[in-house]
Amino acid sequence: MKLKSSYNFIYMPDGEGNTRVLRVPRVAIVGAFLLLLTLTLLAVLYFAGVGMGAGWWPDSSELKTENALLRERVEDLEGEVGAMRVAMDEAFDYQQVLSTAVGVRPLDAETFAAGVGGRSASLIRPGEDIELASAGVGELTRLGDEIKLLVRQARIQKQGYKAMLDTLAARETMRDRIPSIRPLDTGWVSSRFGRRNDPFTGRGRFHHGLDFSVPKGTEVRATADGTVILVQQQRGLGKVVKVDHGDDVVTVYGHLDAFDVQKGDKVRRGQVIARSGNTGRSTAPHLHYEVRLGGRSVNPLPYILDSYAGRN
């Protein structure tokens, strides 16, 4: 059946009025129907959306709760950073005292502040409140900057403490390389440093060390840390060991019976390096001990602080 292209509507008024015919195209009727349908659907969606609004949009109360939790966490962090600031400042003060005691140049305030103008440049103070509502991102940025500053200052302090430890280690090494103990656990000094009568000729002659009277085979110990530079037989001192302690300090051990080290060995204070004997120009078993500074023999007595009691 063929659809009509238009429809006629007849208007017949009551009484004697003229009858009118209204012709409406089919397209206009279809369009009006579609418009009505669209408006109806939009109305349905609108009212449904109002009823389901709680599911479509975040609840403002939840946002407030979450914001309060975040603010509380940030304030906790601020408190922790403030405590770290106090501890860092105290550590700085301790380091100044230690540096002076050790003899290392103390850190100055500008260096400690990592280039931001002195120790007063701390960005957050203990007990200072953070108001996110008024500052927001600005306070978080300030907190982050303070943490970065603390990290830089911790690195600077680490360097300062390392300098002190290096200085102390160097001093300990120097101390350990200075002769300071007896070369023997037993025995007595039978001949001192200085002029004496030669036991073979009876004439006056300078004695360059100390002679310790001990039985043959007594353990001979290095009097300081060093490196063995000589292990050999000589005419005068017989079997001899020489140890270089650095800084032109050398110790000599003569008239030995046997060696316990070789040339090039590293030795520690108190380490057994040989056994006493009666070799070379000697009249009885003993140990000849010398301390040489810059190649010149000096009196060993000031370099014997106490009897050997083991290495600490």
Foldseek 3Di string as FASTA:
>chain_A
DDDDQWDWDWDDDPDDDDIDIDIGGPVVVVVVVVVVVVVVVVVVVVVVCVVCVPVVDPDVVVVVVVVVVVQVVVQVLLQVLQVLLVVLVVLLVVLCVLCVVLVHDRDDQCVLQVNPPGSVPQLGHHPDHDDCVVQNPNVVVSSVVNVVSSVSNVVVVVVSVVVSVVSVVVVVLVVQLFQAAAQALDFDWPDFAAWDQDPVPRHIDGAQETKTDDDWFGFTWDRGKFFWADFDADQAQGTKTKTDSDQQKIKIKGQFDFAPDDGGDTHGHGDGGGTWHAGHPGDHTIITMFIGHNNGTDGCVVRHNDYDDDDD
